[in-house]
Protein backbone atom coordinates (compact mmCIF):
# COMPACT_ATOMS: atom_id res chain seq x y z
CA MET A 1 -17.97 -17.00 -3.42
CA SER A 2 -15.84 -18.19 -6.37
CA LYS A 3 -12.76 -16.38 -7.64
CA MET A 4 -14.65 -15.31 -10.79
CA ASN A 5 -17.58 -13.92 -8.79
CA LYS A 6 -15.18 -11.98 -6.53
CA MET A 7 -13.48 -10.48 -9.56
CA MET A 8 -16.86 -9.50 -11.02
CA THR A 9 -17.78 -7.85 -7.77
CA LEU A 10 -14.66 -5.66 -7.85
CA LEU A 11 -15.29 -4.82 -11.53
CA ALA A 12 -18.86 -3.86 -10.63
CA CYS A 13 -17.51 -1.49 -7.96
CA ALA A 14 -15.23 0.09 -10.56
CA ALA A 15 -18.07 0.48 -13.04
CA ALA A 16 -20.29 2.06 -10.41
CA ALA A 17 -17.57 4.56 -9.58
CA LEU A 18 -17.17 5.56 -13.24
CA PRO A 19 -20.69 6.10 -14.51
CA PHE A 20 -21.32 6.89 -18.19
CA GLY A 21 -17.62 6.54 -18.91
CA VAL A 22 -14.90 9.12 -18.47
CA ARG A 23 -12.68 10.45 -21.18
CA ALA A 24 -10.13 13.24 -21.55
CA ALA A 25 -11.24 16.46 -23.09
CA GLU A 26 -10.97 16.42 -26.89
CA GLY A 27 -7.66 17.73 -28.15
CA GLU A 28 -6.18 17.68 -24.65
CA GLU A 29 -3.04 15.55 -24.23
CA ALA A 30 -1.33 15.44 -20.85
CA ALA A 31 2.43 15.48 -20.77
CA ALA A 32 4.25 12.52 -19.31
CA SER A 33 5.76 12.95 -15.84
CA ALA A 34 7.90 10.89 -13.54
CA SER A 35 8.77 10.82 -9.86
CA GLY A 36 11.01 8.79 -7.62
CA ASN A 37 11.41 8.29 -3.90
CA LEU A 38 13.96 6.77 -1.56
CA THR A 39 12.39 5.99 1.84
CA VAL A 40 14.30 4.74 4.89
CA PRO A 41 11.76 3.51 7.53
CA SER A 42 12.77 2.04 10.86
CA ALA A 43 10.92 -1.18 9.95
CA TYR A 44 8.83 -2.57 7.13
CA VAL A 45 5.16 -2.90 8.20
CA TRP A 46 2.44 -3.78 5.70
CA ARG A 47 -1.21 -3.72 6.67
CA GLY A 48 -0.25 -4.09 10.30
CA GLN A 49 2.09 -7.00 9.64
CA VAL A 50 5.74 -6.50 10.61
CA ILE A 51 7.57 -7.89 7.59
CA VAL A 52 11.05 -6.68 8.53
CA ASP A 53 11.75 -5.61 12.11
CA ASP A 54 14.78 -3.47 11.29
CA PRO A 55 15.50 -0.38 9.12
CA VAL A 56 15.19 -0.98 5.36
CA LEU A 57 15.61 0.90 2.11
CA GLN A 58 12.49 1.36 -0.04
CA PRO A 59 13.05 2.93 -3.46
CA ASP A 60 10.21 3.52 -5.90
CA PHE A 61 9.71 5.06 -9.28
CA THR A 62 6.52 6.03 -11.20
CA ILE A 63 5.84 7.23 -14.76
CA THR A 64 2.46 8.86 -15.46
CA LYS A 65 0.80 10.01 -18.64
CA GLY A 66 -2.86 10.96 -19.17
CA GLY A 67 -4.06 9.24 -16.01
CA PHE A 68 -2.15 6.02 -16.67
CA SER A 69 0.71 5.14 -14.39
CA VAL A 70 3.30 2.40 -14.18
CA GLY A 71 5.20 2.13 -10.93
CA TRP A 72 7.95 0.00 -9.31
CA TRP A 73 8.55 -0.31 -5.59
CA GLY A 74 11.22 -2.27 -3.80
CA ASN A 75 12.24 -3.28 -0.29
CA VAL A 76 15.93 -3.82 0.43
CA ALA A 77 16.84 -5.58 3.65
CA LEU A 78 19.92 -4.09 5.32
CA ASN A 79 20.78 -7.25 7.29
CA ASP A 80 20.56 -10.97 6.63
CA ASP A 81 17.58 -11.79 8.87
CA VAL A 82 15.05 -11.98 6.04
CA THR A 83 16.97 -12.97 2.89
CA GLY A 84 20.11 -14.59 4.29
CA ASP A 85 22.36 -11.84 2.86
CA GLU A 86 22.76 -8.16 3.50
CA PHE A 87 21.51 -5.55 0.98
CA GLU A 88 19.27 -7.98 -0.96
CA VAL A 89 15.88 -7.11 -2.41
CA SER A 90 13.27 -8.98 -0.36
CA GLU A 91 10.31 -7.65 -2.32
CA HIS A 92 9.54 -5.71 -5.44
CA ASP A 93 6.12 -4.73 -6.72
CA ILE A 94 4.96 -3.48 -10.10
CA THR A 95 1.74 -1.50 -10.33
CA VAL A 96 -0.25 -0.49 -13.41
CA SER A 97 -3.14 1.92 -12.79
CA TYR A 98 -5.49 4.48 -14.22
CA ALA A 99 -6.68 7.54 -12.27
CA THR A 100 -9.57 9.79 -13.21
CA THR A 101 -12.44 11.80 -11.72
CA CYS A 102 -15.99 10.55 -11.33
CA PRO A 103 -18.21 12.96 -13.33
CA LEU A 104 -21.17 12.63 -10.93
CA THR A 105 -19.46 12.97 -7.54
CA GLY A 106 -16.15 14.62 -8.38
CA ALA A 107 -14.36 11.92 -6.46
CA GLY A 108 -10.97 10.70 -7.51
CA VAL A 109 -11.04 7.11 -8.73
CA THR A 110 -8.04 4.89 -9.33
CA VAL A 111 -8.19 1.30 -10.63
CA GLY A 112 -5.29 -1.02 -11.23
CA ILE A 113 -3.37 -4.19 -10.70
CA VAL A 114 -0.27 -4.78 -8.56
CA ASN A 115 2.11 -7.76 -8.69
CA PHE A 116 3.97 -8.61 -5.46
CA ASP A 117 7.20 -10.55 -5.98
CA PHE A 118 9.55 -11.94 -3.22
CA PRO A 119 12.72 -12.92 -5.05
CA ASN A 120 15.07 -13.77 -2.15
CA ILE A 121 12.78 -15.04 0.67
CA GLY A 122 12.82 -18.79 1.25
CA LEU A 123 10.42 -21.11 3.04
CA VAL A 124 11.46 -24.40 4.61
CA ASP A 125 8.92 -27.24 4.66
CA ALA A 126 8.65 -30.14 7.09
CA GLU A 127 11.13 -32.18 4.99
CA GLY A 128 13.70 -29.38 4.96
CA ASN A 129 13.12 -28.38 1.34
CA VAL A 130 13.55 -24.70 0.61
CA SER A 131 11.32 -22.81 -1.87
CA LEU A 132 10.78 -19.15 -2.62
CA VAL A 133 7.65 -17.37 -1.36
CA ASN A 134 5.02 -17.37 -4.10
CA ASP A 135 4.36 -14.08 -5.83
CA THR A 136 0.80 -12.83 -5.78
CA ARG A 137 -1.42 -10.22 -7.50
CA GLU A 138 -4.13 -7.83 -6.48
CA ALA A 139 -6.69 -5.84 -8.44
CA PHE A 140 -7.78 -2.65 -6.66
CA ILE A 141 -10.04 0.33 -6.77
CA ILE A 142 -9.49 3.49 -4.74
CA TYR A 143 -12.28 6.02 -4.26
CA SER A 144 -11.19 9.37 -2.66
CA LEU A 145 -13.06 12.55 -1.77
CA GLY A 146 -10.21 15.03 -1.65
CA ASP A 147 -12.47 18.12 -1.36
CA VAL A 148 -14.46 16.77 1.59
CA VAL A 149 -13.49 17.35 5.27
CA LEU A 150 -10.82 14.84 6.27
CA ALA A 151 -10.50 13.69 2.63
CA PRO A 152 -11.89 10.13 3.17
CA THR A 153 -10.44 7.41 0.92
CA LEU A 154 -11.83 3.90 0.47
CA ALA A 155 -9.59 1.23 -1.06
CA VAL A 156 -10.79 -2.25 -2.02
CA ASN A 157 -8.12 -4.82 -2.92
CA TYR A 158 -8.78 -8.32 -4.25
CA ASP A 159 -5.98 -10.88 -4.23
CA PHE A 160 -6.83 -13.10 -7.19
CA LYS A 161 -3.72 -15.36 -7.21
CA GLU A 162 -2.87 -16.71 -3.75
CA ALA A 163 -5.30 -15.46 -1.08
CA ASP A 164 -8.39 -15.31 -3.32
CA GLY A 165 -9.84 -12.70 -0.90
CA PHE A 166 -10.58 -9.07 -0.21
CA TYR A 167 -8.75 -6.55 1.92
CA THR A 168 -10.40 -3.12 2.41
CA SER A 169 -9.17 0.03 4.07
CA LEU A 170 -10.73 3.38 4.97
CA GLY A 171 -8.43 6.34 5.44
CA ILE A 172 -8.71 10.01 6.42
CA SER A 173 -6.18 12.81 6.19
CA HIS A 174 -5.77 16.49 7.04
CA GLY A 175 -3.09 19.12 6.52
CA VAL A 176 -2.17 21.66 9.21
CA GLU A 177 -0.20 24.69 8.03
CA LEU A 178 2.56 25.37 10.53
CA ALA A 179 4.16 28.21 8.59
CA GLU A 180 4.32 29.42 5.03
CA GLY A 181 5.62 26.51 3.00
CA TYR A 182 5.40 23.98 5.85
CA THR A 183 2.31 21.77 6.21
CA LEU A 184 2.04 18.92 8.67
CA GLY A 185 0.16 15.96 7.16
CA LEU A 186 -1.98 13.94 9.57
CA ALA A 187 -3.56 10.63 8.53
CA ALA A 188 -5.31 7.60 9.96
CA SER A 189 -6.60 4.33 8.49
CA LEU A 190 -8.59 1.23 9.44
CA GLY A 191 -8.29 -2.05 7.58
CA GLY A 192 -10.30 -5.23 7.41
CA ALA A 193 -10.44 -8.49 5.43
CA ASP A 194 -12.75 -11.33 4.52
CA SER A 195 -12.11 -14.85 5.75
CA ASP A 196 -10.15 -15.83 2.62
CA TRP A 197 -7.63 -12.97 2.78
CA GLY A 198 -7.41 -13.20 6.58
CA GLY A 199 -7.07 -16.95 6.42
CA TYR A 200 -4.18 -16.77 3.98
CA TYR A 201 -2.18 -14.27 6.00
CA TYR A 202 -3.12 -15.25 9.60
CA GLY A 203 -4.65 -18.71 9.53
CA ASP A 204 -8.23 -17.93 10.66
CA VAL A 205 -9.16 -14.25 10.67
CA SER A 206 -11.93 -12.05 9.28
CA GLY A 207 -13.27 -8.61 10.11
CA LEU A 208 -11.16 -5.73 11.29
CA THR A 209 -7.43 -6.44 11.08
CA ASP A 210 -5.34 -3.32 11.57
CA TYR A 211 -5.17 0.44 12.14
CA SER A 212 -2.59 3.20 11.72
CA VAL A 213 -2.11 6.87 12.62
CA SER A 214 0.69 8.95 11.12
CA ALA A 215 2.17 12.42 10.78
CA SER A 216 4.57 13.72 8.14
CA LEU A 217 6.32 16.96 7.40
CA PRO A 218 7.66 17.59 3.86
CA VAL A 219 10.37 20.21 3.38
CA ALA A 220 11.13 21.44 -0.14
CA LEU A 221 14.88 21.46 -0.72
CA THR A 222 14.61 22.65 -4.35
CA ASP A 223 11.72 22.96 -6.86
CA SER A 224 12.06 19.24 -7.59
CA LEU A 225 13.57 17.73 -4.47
CA THR A 226 11.64 17.21 -1.19
CA LEU A 227 12.69 15.65 2.10
CA THR A 228 9.88 14.28 4.29
CA ALA A 229 10.16 13.21 7.90
CA GLY A 230 7.40 10.92 9.17
CA VAL A 231 6.22 9.03 12.22
CA GLN A 232 3.56 6.26 12.31
CA TYR A 233 1.93 4.05 14.88
CA VAL A 234 0.37 0.84 13.60
CA GLY A 235 -1.37 -2.04 15.32
CA LEU A 236 -3.37 -5.18 14.78
CA LEU A 237 -6.97 -5.65 15.92
CA GLU A 238 -9.27 -8.41 17.17
CA ASP A 239 -8.60 -11.92 15.70
CA ALA A 240 -5.43 -10.78 13.86
CA LYS A 241 -3.95 -9.48 17.10
CA ASP A 242 -4.87 -12.71 18.91
CA VAL A 243 -3.26 -14.91 16.25
CA VAL A 244 0.01 -12.97 16.35
CA ASP A 245 0.04 -13.01 20.17
CA GLU A 246 -0.47 -16.81 20.17
CA THR A 247 1.77 -17.83 17.31
CA GLY A 248 4.51 -15.18 17.26
CA ILE A 249 4.30 -14.66 13.50
CA TYR A 250 5.34 -11.23 12.14
CA PHE A 251 8.00 -11.04 14.86
CA GLY A 252 5.21 -11.31 17.47
CA ASP A 253 4.53 -7.55 17.12
CA THR A 254 0.94 -6.41 17.41
CA GLU A 255 1.86 -2.73 17.78
CA LYS A 256 4.73 -0.79 16.28
CA PHE A 257 6.05 2.79 16.31
CA LEU A 258 7.86 3.76 13.11
CA GLY A 259 9.98 6.65 12.00
CA SER A 260 11.01 7.43 8.44
CA LEU A 261 12.85 9.78 6.09
CA LYS A 262 11.85 10.08 2.46
CA LEU A 263 13.76 11.86 -0.31
CA SER A 264 11.50 12.62 -3.33
CA TYR A 265 12.38 13.86 -6.80
CA ALA A 266 9.90 14.98 -9.48
CA PHE A 267 11.16 14.90 -13.07
């Protein structure tokens, strides 16, 4: 399937999720809002891949108005294993998205584009030449049924710059009230990719690629400030697991237990 056909497929999914068009109520104008987070995980793991095998800093900031959002996310390596220097940004992503509600199903629908940039990560070729890792971009659609048991969420991502392939994930979540004001969040997800996406990141992979289970407990410190403690167990599946076992890429990790602390502020 060509790159254009793949993009048209994703656009068709978005069109199907938003039948008849969706618009804000006449005369209704939502106020702008902003939020920021500073997360400290014990490692950086993305879609089952261990990107940094040590604690990192991950700040992010999002501005939202009328369903439209612009967000920035960064990863700061605390040692020199990834970038060659301590406290350097190894990745930063910019996301532009629009969130609304499907009028037929009541599902939440988000569509958008994210740019992944890796400013301080170098690759060395066979001749010893060093070059930066190429940035890449994904278009995505997220379809979520928040009012259904386990709140299932389906996300379809299409990398249209480097991988030219699809990555899809299905997630579920549930909240357990421990006491008044304290709710334990439980979540799980399963991810898979086509041969193009899997080939770009692993060499020769398609089908199921990864899974995760997690728990988090937010504690409100003030009306605007929240501290969230989290744990997560992630792993690779099938061909992706075999490739990492054989080649040692992604630090050779096919399973990982993570802990994290996140400080959130809503403006």
